[in-house]
Amino acid sequence: MNINTSAAQGPTSPQRPSPRKSSTYLIEGVLLFVAIVWGVNPVAIKIGMQYLPPETFNLARMIIASLIALIALALSGSWRRPERRELITLLRITAFGFCLYQILLIAGLQRTTAGNASFIHCLVPASVALLNRLYGLDRLSRPVIAGIACSLAGVLLIVVGAGKEFSLSGPHLLGSLFILVAQTCYAYYMIAAKELQASHSIYQITAGQMLLTSLLMLPTTFPDILTVRWLDIPAAAWGSLLFSGVLGLCLCNFLWIWGAGILGTSRVAIFNNICPVFAVLAGHFALDEPFGPLQSFGALCVFIGVYITRRHRPAAPPASHHLANTPRKSA
């Protein structure tokens, strides 16, 4: 599961050009939109899983996302025939990153508390920063560390303020481990996806990962899909599937990869910790869940953490890290 950084960095231009301030604000506005959608997404998923089994719901929304991504790819006209090496790279990134993340996340949510899941999943920025440091892609600077710590503290306050239980007893320990591995897989996917951006459009990367994930999930879940009477499920379930598949999976992952390719994974990953803020707000208005002063202060800490991290400009790693000290890509 090694990462080939030469494709992302290039031998002659190791440091990405800094986007103009106006472009940066636009990209960060788009990432804020992604955080809002992903924050509301758990509420939509809860509604959908009232009518469909978790694994069936997960595969159904993945198939919807795949169809939309393939249509977008066809309309963009940006498809390029991939080489065998690139197909292997896409399969590796999808299997060990995006697909495994989806499977472990659902498995973890079924076995642990919402408090455990919310807090552990917000370790994604820390995992991205550590993987970037491991592979010599970005220095682990003080602003990044301070921003991640501040946002994690904010998420903890939000979870505690919502009255969500923390527990590592019994099945909660296994569920928490699933979530921990899931967020590590997503961090790997964020960084490794940059390998393909030098040779393929984001349309093709998104369509490829959605389609492959659907195919990888199909063998174990397909029999359950056949037992569902799809014409009889209510409009709320269909709305949940469309929201989660079209927006939560297809559009937002497309925008996430696009933003990470411009701003860098460390600065983009911190926006992941905004999601619990909007998750609590969505739960408050849609499901009548509590939202009090402690959660408000937690939300403030999250946004302060994002502000601190966004001031960080990734520096070029030492020249010795570009190829010589970078783990070799395994085919």
C-alpha atoms as a PDB file:
ATOM      1  CA  MET A   1       0.000   0.000   0.000  1.00  0.00           C
ATOM      2  CA  ASN A   2       2.877   2.308  -0.828  1.00  0.00           C
ATOM      3  CA  ILE A   3       2.498   5.683  -2.491  1.00  0.00           C
ATOM      4  CA  ASN A   4       4.399   6.714  -5.588  1.00  0.00           C
ATOM      5  CA  THR A   5       5.059  10.412  -5.043  1.00  0.00           C
ATOM      6  CA  SER A   6       6.965  11.022  -8.259  1.00  0.00           C
ATOM      7  CA  ALA A   7       3.755  11.354 -10.278  1.00  0.00           C
ATOM      8  CA  ALA A   8       2.332  13.879  -7.869  1.00  0.00           C
ATOM      9  CA  GLN A   9       5.493  15.936  -7.471  1.00  0.00           C
ATOM     10  CA  GLY A  10       7.329  15.633 -10.746  1.00  0.00           C
ATOM     11  CA  PRO A  11      11.115  15.530 -10.962  1.00  0.00           C
ATOM     12  CA  THR A  12      11.576  19.116 -12.109  1.00  0.00           C
ATOM     13  CA  SER A  13       8.803  20.950 -10.249  1.00  0.00           C
ATOM     14  CA  PRO A  14       8.447  19.459  -6.773  1.00  0.00           C
ATOM     15  CA  GLN A  15       6.417  22.309  -5.268  1.00  0.00           C
ATOM     16  CA  ARG A  16       2.870  23.018  -6.444  1.00  0.00           C
ATOM     17  CA  PRO A  17       2.276  26.625  -7.511  1.00  0.00           C
ATOM     18  CA  SER A  18       0.434  28.664  -4.909  1.00  0.00           C
ATOM     19  CA  PRO A  19      -3.054  29.599  -6.090  1.00  0.00           C
ATOM     20  CA  ARG A  20      -4.049  33.275  -6.058  1.00  0.00           C
ATOM     21  CA  LYS A  21      -5.859  34.496  -2.947  1.00  0.00           C
ATOM     22  CA  SER A  22      -9.174  34.885  -4.807  1.00  0.00           C
ATOM     23  CA  SER A  23      -8.875  31.330  -6.159  1.00  0.00           C
ATOM     24  CA  THR A  24      -8.044  30.056  -2.671  1.00  0.00           C
ATOM     25  CA  TYR A  25     -11.193  31.640  -1.239  1.00  0.00           C
ATOM     26  CA  LEU A  26     -13.258  30.024  -3.998  1.00  0.00           C
ATOM     27  CA  ILE A  27     -11.755  26.590  -3.352  1.00  0.00           C
ATOM     28  CA  GLU A  28     -12.247  26.925   0.395  1.00  0.00           C
ATOM     29  CA  GLY A  29     -15.851  27.981  -0.194  1.00  0.00           C
ATOM     30  CA  VAL A  30     -16.368  24.827  -2.244  1.00  0.00           C
ATOM     31  CA  LEU A  31     -14.769  22.732   0.513  1.00  0.00           C
ATOM     32  CA  LEU A  32     -17.082  24.368   3.056  1.00  0.00           C
ATOM     33  CA  PHE A  33     -20.016  23.305   0.869  1.00  0.00           C
ATOM     34  CA  VAL A  34     -18.625  19.746   0.873  1.00  0.00           C
ATOM     35  CA  ALA A  35     -18.351  19.844   4.683  1.00  0.00           C
ATOM     36  CA  ILE A  36     -21.983  20.999   4.937  1.00  0.00           C
ATOM     37  CA  VAL A  37     -23.205  18.177   2.660  1.00  0.00           C
ATOM     38  CA  TRP A  38     -21.135  15.567   4.514  1.00  0.00           C
ATOM     39  CA  GLY A  39     -22.388  16.951   7.822  1.00  0.00           C
ATOM     40  CA  VAL A  40     -26.021  16.600   6.745  1.00  0.00           C
ATOM     41  CA  ASN A  41     -25.353  13.229   5.065  1.00  0.00           C
ATOM     42  CA  PRO A  42     -25.515  11.113   8.296  1.00  0.00           C
ATOM     43  CA  VAL A  43     -29.041  12.416   8.923  1.00  0.00           C
ATOM     44  CA  ALA A  44     -30.024  11.423   5.370  1.00  0.00           C
ATOM     45  CA  ILE A  45     -28.419   7.998   5.847  1.00  0.00           C
ATOM     46  CA  LYS A  46     -30.322   7.460   9.122  1.00  0.00           C
ATOM     47  CA  ILE A  47     -33.577   8.146   7.283  1.00  0.00           C
ATOM     48  CA  GLY A  48     -32.674   5.760   4.449  1.00  0.00           C
ATOM     49  CA  MET A  49     -31.619   2.940   6.779  1.00  0.00           C
ATOM     50  CA  GLN A  50     -35.037   3.028   8.421  1.00  0.00           C
ATOM     51  CA  TYR A  51     -36.314   1.379   5.235  1.00  0.00           C
ATOM     52  CA  LEU A  52     -33.255  -0.503   3.887  1.00  0.00           C
ATOM     53  CA  PRO A  53     -30.569  -2.728   5.468  1.00  0.00           C
ATOM     54  CA  PRO A  54     -27.235  -0.861   5.932  1.00  0.00           C
ATOM     55  CA  GLU A  55     -25.232  -2.906   3.387  1.00  0.00           C
ATOM     56  CA  THR A  56     -28.022  -2.710   0.791  1.00  0.00           C
ATOM     57  CA  PHE A  57     -28.362   1.033   1.300  1.00  0.00           C
ATOM     58  CA  ASN A  58     -24.584   1.481   0.984  1.00  0.00           C
ATOM     59  CA  LEU A  59     -24.353  -0.433  -2.308  1.00  0.00           C
ATOM     60  CA  ALA A  60     -27.471   1.236  -3.752  1.00  0.00           C
ATOM     61  CA  ARG A  61     -26.120   4.747  -3.169  1.00  0.00           C
ATOM     62  CA  MET A  62     -22.745   3.647  -4.586  1.00  0.00           C
ATOM     63  CA  ILE A  63     -24.423   2.404  -7.785  1.00  0.00           C
ATOM     64  CA  ILE A  64     -26.286   5.719  -8.100  1.00  0.00           C
ATOM     65  CA  ALA A  65     -23.010   7.608  -7.628  1.00  0.00           C
ATOM     66  CA  SER A  66     -21.318   5.404 -10.260  1.00  0.00           C
ATOM     67  CA  LEU A  67     -24.038   6.101 -12.854  1.00  0.00           C
ATOM     68  CA  ILE A  68     -23.888   9.872 -12.280  1.00  0.00           C
ATOM     69  CA  ALA A  69     -20.072   9.855 -12.388  1.00  0.00           C
ATOM     70  CA  LEU A  70     -20.049   7.885 -15.662  1.00  0.00           C
ATOM     71  CA  ILE A  71     -22.559  10.295 -17.235  1.00  0.00           C
ATOM     72  CA  ALA A  72     -20.418  13.263 -16.109  1.00  0.00           C
ATOM     73  CA  LEU A  73     -17.312  11.599 -17.560  1.00  0.00           C
ATOM     74  CA  ALA A  74     -19.045  11.037 -20.900  1.00  0.00           C
ATOM     75  CA  LEU A  75     -20.277  14.633 -21.067  1.00  0.00           C
ATOM     76  CA  SER A  76     -16.857  16.029 -20.136  1.00  0.00           C
ATOM     77  CA  GLY A  77     -15.151  14.232 -23.030  1.00  0.00           C
ATOM     78  CA  SER A  78     -12.079  13.784 -20.849  1.00  0.00           C
ATOM     79  CA  TRP A  79     -11.857   9.981 -20.913  1.00  0.00           C
ATOM     80  CA  ARG A  80      -8.413   8.622 -21.758  1.00  0.00           C
ATOM     81  CA  ARG A  81      -7.604   4.947 -22.189  1.00  0.00           C
ATOM     82  CA  PRO A  82      -5.611   3.989 -19.066  1.00  0.00           C
ATOM     83  CA  GLU A  83      -2.477   1.910 -19.242  1.00  0.00           C
ATOM     84  CA  ARG A  84      -2.252  -1.374 -17.368  1.00  0.00           C
ATOM     85  CA  ARG A  85      -0.035   0.228 -14.713  1.00  0.00           C
ATOM     86  CA  GLU A  86      -2.589   3.000 -14.172  1.00  0.00           C
ATOM     87  CA  LEU A  87      -5.427   0.491 -13.832  1.00  0.00           C
ATOM     88  CA  ILE A  88      -3.471  -1.347 -11.151  1.00  0.00           C
ATOM     89  CA  THR A  89      -2.852   1.951  -9.365  1.00  0.00           C
ATOM     90  CA  LEU A  90      -6.559   2.841  -9.495  1.00  0.00           C
ATOM     91  CA  LEU A  91      -7.515  -0.613  -8.213  1.00  0.00           C
ATOM     92  CA  ARG A  92      -5.002  -0.345  -5.343  1.00  0.00           C
ATOM     93  CA  ILE A  93      -6.148   3.128  -4.297  1.00  0.00           C
ATOM     94  CA  THR A  94      -9.830   2.185  -4.554  1.00  0.00           C
ATOM     95  CA  ALA A  95      -9.585  -1.188  -2.803  1.00  0.00           C
ATOM     96  CA  PHE A  96      -7.317  -0.177   0.091  1.00  0.00           C
ATOM     97  CA  GLY A  97      -8.610   3.391   0.328  1.00  0.00           C
ATOM     98  CA  PHE A  98     -12.110   4.350  -0.753  1.00  0.00           C
ATOM     99  CA  CYS A  99     -13.826   0.928  -0.802  1.00  0.00           C
ATOM    100  CA  LEU A 100     -12.362  -0.350   2.472  1.00  0.00           C
ATOM    101  CA  TYR A 101     -13.271   2.983   4.067  1.00  0.00           C
ATOM    102  CA  GLN A 102     -16.929   2.621   3.051  1.00  0.00           C
ATOM    103  CA  ILE A 103     -17.158  -0.975   4.314  1.00  0.00           C
ATOM    104  CA  LEU A 104     -15.392  -0.380   7.638  1.00  0.00           C
ATOM    105  CA  LEU A 105     -17.292   2.853   8.305  1.00  0.00           C
ATOM    106  CA  ILE A 106     -20.700   1.154   8.044  1.00  0.00           C
ATOM    107  CA  ALA A 107     -19.431  -1.836  10.075  1.00  0.00           C
ATOM    108  CA  GLY A 108     -18.042   0.481  12.747  1.00  0.00           C
ATOM    109  CA  LEU A 109     -21.191   2.592  13.009  1.00  0.00           C
ATOM    110  CA  GLN A 110     -23.186  -0.578  13.671  1.00  0.00           C
ATOM    111  CA  ARG A 111     -20.900  -1.602  16.558  1.00  0.00           C
ATOM    112  CA  THR A 112     -20.014   1.574  18.419  1.00  0.00           C
ATOM    113  CA  THR A 113     -21.528   4.795  19.694  1.00  0.00           C
ATOM    114  CA  ALA A 114     -22.041   7.921  17.624  1.00  0.00           C
ATOM    115  CA  GLY A 115     -19.693   9.727  20.027  1.00  0.00           C
ATOM    116  CA  ASN A 116     -16.858   7.278  19.384  1.00  0.00           C
ATOM    117  CA  ALA A 117     -17.416   7.383  15.626  1.00  0.00           C
ATOM    118  CA  SER A 118     -17.575  11.192  15.404  1.00  0.00           C
ATOM    119  CA  PHE A 119     -14.392  11.737  17.364  1.00  0.00           C
ATOM    120  CA  ILE A 120     -12.304   8.936  15.809  1.00  0.00           C
ATOM    121  CA  HIS A 121     -13.328   9.891  12.263  1.00  0.00           C
ATOM    122  CA  CYS A 122     -12.069  13.424  12.906  1.00  0.00           C
ATOM    123  CA  LEU A 123      -8.547  11.995  13.188  1.00  0.00           C
ATOM    124  CA  VAL A 124      -8.445  12.105   9.355  1.00  0.00           C
ATOM    125  CA  PRO A 125      -6.471  15.403   9.269  1.00  0.00           C
ATOM    126  CA  ALA A 126      -3.920  13.987  11.707  1.00  0.00           C
ATOM    127  CA  SER A 127      -3.569  10.809   9.636  1.00  0.00           C
ATOM    128  CA  VAL A 128      -3.154  12.837   6.430  1.00  0.00           C
ATOM    129  CA  ALA A 129      -0.491  15.005   8.050  1.00  0.00           C
ATOM    130  CA  LEU A 130       1.397  11.968   9.358  1.00  0.00           C
ATOM    131  CA  LEU A 131       1.237  10.133   6.018  1.00  0.00           C
ATOM    132  CA  ASN A 132       2.391  13.274   4.219  1.00  0.00           C
ATOM    133  CA  ARG A 133       5.329  13.456   6.616  1.00  0.00           C
ATOM    134  CA  LEU A 134       6.080   9.733   6.234  1.00  0.00           C
ATOM    135  CA  TYR A 135       6.245   9.949   2.447  1.00  0.00           C
ATOM    136  CA  GLY A 136       8.049  13.288   2.402  1.00  0.00           C
ATOM    137  CA  LEU A 137       5.183  15.134   0.715  1.00  0.00           C
ATOM    138  CA  ASP A 138       4.755  17.896   3.277  1.00  0.00           C
ATOM    139  CA  ARG A 139       6.433  19.037   6.480  1.00  0.00           C
ATOM    140  CA  LEU A 140       4.422  18.638   9.696  1.00  0.00           C
ATOM    141  CA  SER A 141       4.481  22.331  10.664  1.00  0.00           C
ATOM    142  CA  ARG A 142       3.368  23.949  13.924  1.00  0.00           C
ATOM    143  CA  PRO A 143       0.285  25.628  12.366  1.00  0.00           C
ATOM    144  CA  VAL A 144      -0.930  22.269  11.062  1.00  0.00           C
ATOM    145  CA  ILE A 145      -0.390  20.552  14.437  1.00  0.00           C
ATOM    146  CA  ALA A 146      -2.042  23.424  16.338  1.00  0.00           C
ATOM    147  CA  GLY A 147      -4.979  23.585  13.919  1.00  0.00           C
ATOM    148  CA  ILE A 148      -5.605  19.831  14.084  1.00  0.00           C
ATOM    149  CA  ALA A 149      -5.413  19.840  17.907  1.00  0.00           C
ATOM    150  CA  CYS A 150      -7.805  22.801  18.177  1.00  0.00           C
ATOM    151  CA  SER A 151     -10.343  21.275  15.804  1.00  0.00           C
ATOM    152  CA  LEU A 152     -10.186  17.897  17.583  1.00  0.00           C
ATOM    153  CA  ALA A 153     -10.846  19.645  20.896  1.00  0.00           C
ATOM    154  CA  GLY A 154     -13.843  21.333  19.290  1.00  0.00           C
ATOM    155  CA  VAL A 155     -15.201  18.032  17.980  1.00  0.00           C
ATOM    156  CA  LEU A 156     -14.812  16.508  21.466  1.00  0.00           C
ATOM    157  CA  LEU A 157     -16.835  19.377  22.970  1.00  0.00           C
ATOM    158  CA  ILE A 158     -19.539  18.935  20.314  1.00  0.00           C
ATOM    159  CA  VAL A 159     -19.805  15.202  21.015  1.00  0.00           C
ATOM    160  CA  VAL A 160     -19.883  15.672  24.803  1.00  0.00           C
ATOM    161  CA  GLY A 161     -22.378  18.538  24.502  1.00  0.00           C
ATOM    162  CA  ALA A 162     -24.694  16.363  22.443  1.00  0.00           C
ATOM    163  CA  GLY A 163     -24.740  13.795  25.236  1.00  0.00           C
ATOM    164  CA  LYS A 164     -23.318  11.095  22.990  1.00  0.00           C
ATOM    165  CA  GLU A 165     -21.735   8.203  24.843  1.00  0.00           C
ATOM    166  CA  PHE A 166     -18.038   7.326  24.794  1.00  0.00           C
ATOM    167  CA  SER A 167     -17.320   3.662  25.453  1.00  0.00           C
ATOM    168  CA  LEU A 168     -14.626   1.114  24.650  1.00  0.00           C
ATOM    169  CA  SER A 169     -16.298  -1.808  26.406  1.00  0.00           C
ATOM    170  CA  GLY A 170     -17.584  -4.931  24.695  1.00  0.00           C
ATOM    171  CA  PRO A 171     -18.477  -4.475  21.004  1.00  0.00           C
ATOM    172  CA  HIS A 172     -17.668  -0.746  21.154  1.00  0.00           C
ATOM    173  CA  LEU A 173     -13.949  -1.535  21.107  1.00  0.00           C
ATOM    174  CA  LEU A 174     -14.246  -3.482  17.837  1.00  0.00           C
ATOM    175  CA  GLY A 175     -16.446  -0.795  16.304  1.00  0.00           C
ATOM    176  CA  SER A 176     -13.994   1.921  17.319  1.00  0.00           C
ATOM    177  CA  LEU A 177     -11.132  -0.038  15.751  1.00  0.00           C
ATOM    178  CA  PHE A 178     -13.144  -0.321  12.524  1.00  0.00           C
ATOM    179  CA  ILE A 179     -13.667   3.467  12.481  1.00  0.00           C
ATOM    180  CA  LEU A 180      -9.981   4.049  13.269  1.00  0.00           C
ATOM    181  CA  VAL A 181      -8.846   1.864  10.351  1.00  0.00           C
ATOM    182  CA  ALA A 182     -11.560   3.415   8.137  1.00  0.00           C
ATOM    183  CA  GLN A 183     -10.310   6.972   8.661  1.00  0.00           C
ATOM    184  CA  THR A 184      -6.735   5.816   7.994  1.00  0.00           C
ATOM    185  CA  CYS A 185      -7.915   4.264   4.711  1.00  0.00           C
ATOM    186  CA  TYR A 186      -9.562   7.536   3.739  1.00  0.00           C
ATOM    187  CA  ALA A 187      -6.403   9.491   4.551  1.00  0.00           C
ATOM    188  CA  TYR A 188      -4.440   7.085   2.340  1.00  0.00           C
ATOM    189  CA  TYR A 189      -7.008   7.496  -0.442  1.00  0.00           C
ATOM    190  CA  MET A 190      -6.759  11.304  -0.256  1.00  0.00           C
ATOM    191  CA  ILE A 191      -2.989  11.280  -0.658  1.00  0.00           C
ATOM    192  CA  ALA A 192      -2.665   8.390  -3.116  1.00  0.00           C
ATOM    193  CA  ALA A 193      -5.339   9.758  -5.475  1.00  0.00           C
ATOM    194  CA  LYS A 194      -2.854  12.463  -6.467  1.00  0.00           C
ATOM    195  CA  GLU A 195      -0.887   9.792  -8.349  1.00  0.00           C
ATOM    196  CA  LEU A 196      -3.566   9.680 -11.043  1.00  0.00           C
ATOM    197  CA  GLN A 197      -4.198  13.409 -11.391  1.00  0.00           C
ATOM    198  CA  ALA A 198      -1.113  13.940 -13.540  1.00  0.00           C
ATOM    199  CA  SER A 199      -2.484  11.676 -16.294  1.00  0.00           C
ATOM    200  CA  HIS A 200      -6.284  11.531 -15.817  1.00  0.00           C
ATOM    201  CA  SER A 201      -9.089  14.013 -15.310  1.00  0.00           C
ATOM    202  CA  ILE A 202     -10.889  14.185 -11.983  1.00  0.00           C
ATOM    203  CA  TYR A 203     -14.024  13.060 -13.857  1.00  0.00           C
ATOM    204  CA  GLN A 204     -12.285   9.816 -14.817  1.00  0.00           C
ATOM    205  CA  ILE A 205     -10.759   9.276 -11.368  1.00  0.00           C
ATOM    206  CA  THR A 206     -14.131   9.775  -9.653  1.00  0.00           C
ATOM    207  CA  ALA A 207     -15.984   7.523 -12.104  1.00  0.00           C
ATOM    208  CA  GLY A 208     -13.303   4.845 -11.844  1.00  0.00           C
ATOM    209  CA  GLN A 209     -13.284   4.704  -8.063  1.00  0.00           C
ATOM    210  CA  MET A 210     -17.091   4.705  -7.786  1.00  0.00           C
ATOM    211  CA  LEU A 211     -17.483   1.946 -10.376  1.00  0.00           C
ATOM    212  CA  LEU A 212     -14.720  -0.214  -8.896  1.00  0.00           C
ATOM    213  CA  THR A 213     -16.086   0.218  -5.373  1.00  0.00           C
ATOM    214  CA  SER A 214     -19.533  -0.866  -6.551  1.00  0.00           C
ATOM    215  CA  LEU A 215     -18.058  -3.940  -8.240  1.00  0.00           C
ATOM    216  CA  LEU A 216     -16.005  -4.847  -5.151  1.00  0.00           C
ATOM    217  CA  MET A 217     -19.072  -4.547  -2.887  1.00  0.00           C
ATOM    218  CA  LEU A 218     -21.440  -6.337  -5.276  1.00  0.00           C
ATOM    219  CA  PRO A 219     -20.629 -10.033  -4.586  1.00  0.00           C
ATOM    220  CA  THR A 220     -21.566  -9.909  -0.878  1.00  0.00           C
ATOM    221  CA  THR A 221     -24.538  -7.557  -1.137  1.00  0.00           C
ATOM    222  CA  PHE A 222     -26.171  -8.378  -4.487  1.00  0.00           C
ATOM    223  CA  PRO A 223     -28.405 -11.197  -3.131  1.00  0.00           C
ATOM    224  CA  ASP A 224     -29.838  -8.769  -0.541  1.00  0.00           C
ATOM    225  CA  ILE A 225     -30.585  -6.168  -3.232  1.00  0.00           C
ATOM    226  CA  LEU A 226     -32.693  -8.710  -5.139  1.00  0.00           C
ATOM    227  CA  THR A 227     -34.956  -9.220  -2.104  1.00  0.00           C
ATOM    228  CA  VAL A 228     -35.861  -5.520  -1.816  1.00  0.00           C
ATOM    229  CA  ARG A 229     -39.142  -4.417  -3.394  1.00  0.00           C
ATOM    230  CA  TRP A 230     -37.764  -1.164  -4.780  1.00  0.00           C
ATOM    231  CA  LEU A 231     -41.082   0.135  -6.124  1.00  0.00           C
ATOM    232  CA  ASP A 232     -42.606  -0.103  -2.653  1.00  0.00           C
ATOM    233  CA  ILE A 233     -40.036   1.869  -0.656  1.00  0.00           C
ATOM    234  CA  PRO A 234     -41.242   5.385   0.241  1.00  0.00           C
ATOM    235  CA  ALA A 235     -40.124   8.689  -1.272  1.00  0.00           C
ATOM    236  CA  ALA A 236     -38.107   9.492   1.868  1.00  0.00           C
ATOM    237  CA  ALA A 237     -35.873   6.464   1.233  1.00  0.00           C
ATOM    238  CA  TRP A 238     -35.372   7.420  -2.414  1.00  0.00           C
ATOM    239  CA  GLY A 239     -34.595  10.995  -1.396  1.00  0.00           C
ATOM    240  CA  SER A 240     -32.033   9.695   1.085  1.00  0.00           C
ATOM    241  CA  LEU A 241     -30.419   7.478  -1.574  1.00  0.00           C
ATOM    242  CA  LEU A 242     -30.264  10.302  -4.124  1.00  0.00           C
ATOM    243  CA  PHE A 243     -28.913  12.856  -1.657  1.00  0.00           C
ATOM    244  CA  SER A 244     -26.265  10.481  -0.322  1.00  0.00           C
ATOM    245  CA  GLY A 245     -25.350   9.011  -3.723  1.00  0.00           C
ATOM    246  CA  VAL A 246     -25.413  12.075  -5.985  1.00  0.00           C
ATOM    247  CA  LEU A 247     -24.235  14.748  -3.543  1.00  0.00           C
ATOM    248  CA  GLY A 248     -22.535  12.919  -0.663  1.00  0.00           C
ATOM    249  CA  LEU A 249     -20.587  10.424  -2.758  1.00  0.00           C
ATOM    250  CA  CYS A 250     -20.275  11.560  -6.375  1.00  0.00           C
ATOM    251  CA  LEU A 251     -20.178  15.377  -6.342  1.00  0.00           C
ATOM    252  CA  CYS A 252     -18.446  15.885  -3.001  1.00  0.00           C
ATOM    253  CA  ASN A 253     -15.688  13.341  -3.629  1.00  0.00           C
ATOM    254  CA  PHE A 254     -15.095  14.944  -7.029  1.00  0.00           C
ATOM    255  CA  LEU A 255     -14.745  18.383  -5.376  1.00  0.00           C
ATOM    256  CA  TRP A 256     -12.621  16.964  -2.551  1.00  0.00           C
ATOM    257  CA  ILE A 257     -10.061  15.467  -4.953  1.00  0.00           C
ATOM    258  CA  TRP A 258     -10.059  18.696  -6.978  1.00  0.00           C
ATOM    259  CA  GLY A 259      -9.425  20.832  -3.898  1.00  0.00           C
ATOM    260  CA  ALA A 260      -6.706  18.535  -2.552  1.00  0.00           C
ATOM    261  CA  GLY A 261      -4.891  18.687  -5.890  1.00  0.00           C
ATOM    262  CA  ILE A 262      -4.672  22.492  -5.632  1.00  0.00           C
ATOM    263  CA  LEU A 263      -4.363  23.327  -1.931  1.00  0.00           C
ATOM    264  CA  GLY A 264      -2.682  20.138  -0.710  1.00  0.00           C
ATOM    265  CA  THR A 265      -4.111  17.320   1.362  1.00  0.00           C
ATOM    266  CA  SER A 266      -3.148  18.725   4.796  1.00  0.00           C
ATOM    267  CA  ARG A 267      -5.046  21.980   4.282  1.00  0.00           C
ATOM    268  CA  VAL A 268      -8.040  20.233   2.730  1.00  0.00           C
ATOM    269  CA  ALA A 269      -8.299  17.431   5.313  1.00  0.00           C
ATOM    270  CA  ILE A 270      -8.941  19.883   8.163  1.00  0.00           C
ATOM    271  CA  PHE A 271     -12.280  20.768   6.527  1.00  0.00           C
ATOM    272  CA  ASN A 272     -13.335  17.210   7.425  1.00  0.00           C
ATOM    273  CA  ASN A 273     -13.629  18.364  11.039  1.00  0.00           C
ATOM    274  CA  ILE A 274     -16.269  20.948  10.120  1.00  0.00           C
ATOM    275  CA  CYS A 275     -18.672  18.129   9.256  1.00  0.00           C
ATOM    276  CA  PRO A 276     -19.703  17.368  12.891  1.00  0.00           C
ATOM    277  CA  VAL A 277     -20.740  21.013  13.324  1.00  0.00           C
ATOM    278  CA  PHE A 278     -23.289  20.749  10.524  1.00  0.00           C
ATOM    279  CA  ALA A 279     -24.180  17.192  11.538  1.00  0.00           C
ATOM    280  CA  VAL A 280     -25.259  18.447  14.967  1.00  0.00           C
ATOM    281  CA  LEU A 281     -27.132  21.394  13.427  1.00  0.00           C
ATOM    282  CA  ALA A 282     -28.908  19.084  10.969  1.00  0.00           C
ATOM    283  CA  GLY A 283     -29.785  16.687  13.780  1.00  0.00           C
ATOM    284  CA  HIS A 284     -31.107  19.605  15.845  1.00  0.00           C
ATOM    285  CA  PHE A 285     -33.462  20.891  13.144  1.00  0.00           C
ATOM    286  CA  ALA A 286     -34.406  17.579  11.472  1.00  0.00           C
ATOM    287  CA  LEU A 287     -34.381  15.127  14.395  1.00  0.00           C
ATOM    288  CA  ASP A 288     -34.860  17.511  17.362  1.00  0.00           C
ATOM    289  CA  GLU A 289     -31.456  16.602  18.831  1.00  0.00           C
ATOM    290  CA  PRO A 290     -29.938  18.993  21.419  1.00  0.00           C
ATOM    291  CA  PHE A 291     -27.643  21.906  20.542  1.00  0.00           C
ATOM    292  CA  GLY A 292     -26.369  23.947  23.477  1.00  0.00           C
ATOM    293  CA  PRO A 293     -23.617  26.360  24.601  1.00  0.00           C
ATOM    294  CA  LEU A 294     -20.954  23.638  24.886  1.00  0.00           C
ATOM    295  CA  GLN A 295     -21.513  22.601  21.276  1.00  0.00           C
ATOM    296  CA  SER A 296     -21.453  26.236  20.166  1.00  0.00           C
ATOM    297  CA  PHE A 297     -18.059  26.687  21.817  1.00  0.00           C
ATOM    298  CA  GLY A 298     -16.897  23.426  20.236  1.00  0.00           C
ATOM    299  CA  ALA A 299     -17.962  24.664  16.803  1.00  0.00           C
ATOM    300  CA  LEU A 300     -15.971  27.870  17.414  1.00  0.00           C
ATOM    301  CA  CYS A 301     -12.875  25.786  18.260  1.00  0.00           C
ATOM    302  CA  VAL A 302     -13.298  23.783  15.046  1.00  0.00           C
ATOM    303  CA  PHE A 303     -13.429  26.916  12.896  1.00  0.00           C
ATOM    304  CA  ILE A 304     -10.435  28.406  14.747  1.00  0.00           C
ATOM    305  CA  GLY A 305      -8.536  25.181  13.997  1.00  0.00           C
ATOM    306  CA  VAL A 306      -9.449  25.461  10.315  1.00  0.00           C
ATOM    307  CA  TYR A 307      -8.335  29.112  10.267  1.00  0.00           C
ATOM    308  CA  ILE A 308      -4.965  28.243  11.820  1.00  0.00           C
ATOM    309  CA  THR A 309      -4.349  25.381   9.398  1.00  0.00           C
ATOM    310  CA  ARG A 310      -5.403  27.315   6.282  1.00  0.00           C
ATOM    311  CA  ARG A 311      -2.620  29.832   6.950  1.00  0.00           C
ATOM    312  CA  HIS A 312      -0.098  27.020   6.424  1.00  0.00           C
ATOM    313  CA  ARG A 313       1.548  27.004   3.004  1.00  0.00           C
ATOM    314  CA  PRO A 314       3.042  23.603   2.163  1.00  0.00           C
ATOM    315  CA  ALA A 315       6.767  23.831   1.697  1.00  0.00           C
ATOM    316  CA  ALA A 316       8.682  21.691  -0.761  1.00  0.00           C
ATOM    317  CA  PRO A 317      10.091  18.654   1.010  1.00  0.00           C
ATOM    318  CA  PRO A 318      13.845  18.203   0.996  1.00  0.00           C
ATOM    319  CA  ALA A 319      15.201  17.115  -2.374  1.00  0.00           C
ATOM    320  CA  SER A 320      16.389  13.832  -0.927  1.00  0.00           C
ATOM    321  CA  HIS A 321      12.763  12.936  -0.133  1.00  0.00           C
ATOM    322  CA  HIS A 322      11.424  13.280  -3.667  1.00  0.00           C
ATOM    323  CA  LEU A 323      12.477   9.888  -4.906  1.00  0.00           C
ATOM    324  CA  ALA A 324      15.356   8.425  -2.979  1.00  0.00           C
ATOM    325  CA  ASN A 325      13.705   8.394   0.461  1.00  0.00           C
ATOM    326  CA  THR A 326      10.181   7.793  -0.771  1.00  0.00           C
ATOM    327  CA  PRO A 327       8.874   4.247  -0.444  1.00  0.00           C
ATOM    328  CA  ARG A 328       8.858   2.563  -3.843  1.00  0.00           C
ATOM    329  CA  LYS A 329       5.552   1.988  -5.516  1.00  0.00           C
ATOM    330  CA  SER A 330       4.386  -1.590  -5.378  1.00  0.00           C
ATOM    331  CA  ALA A 331       2.568  -2.835  -8.459  1.00  0.00           C
END
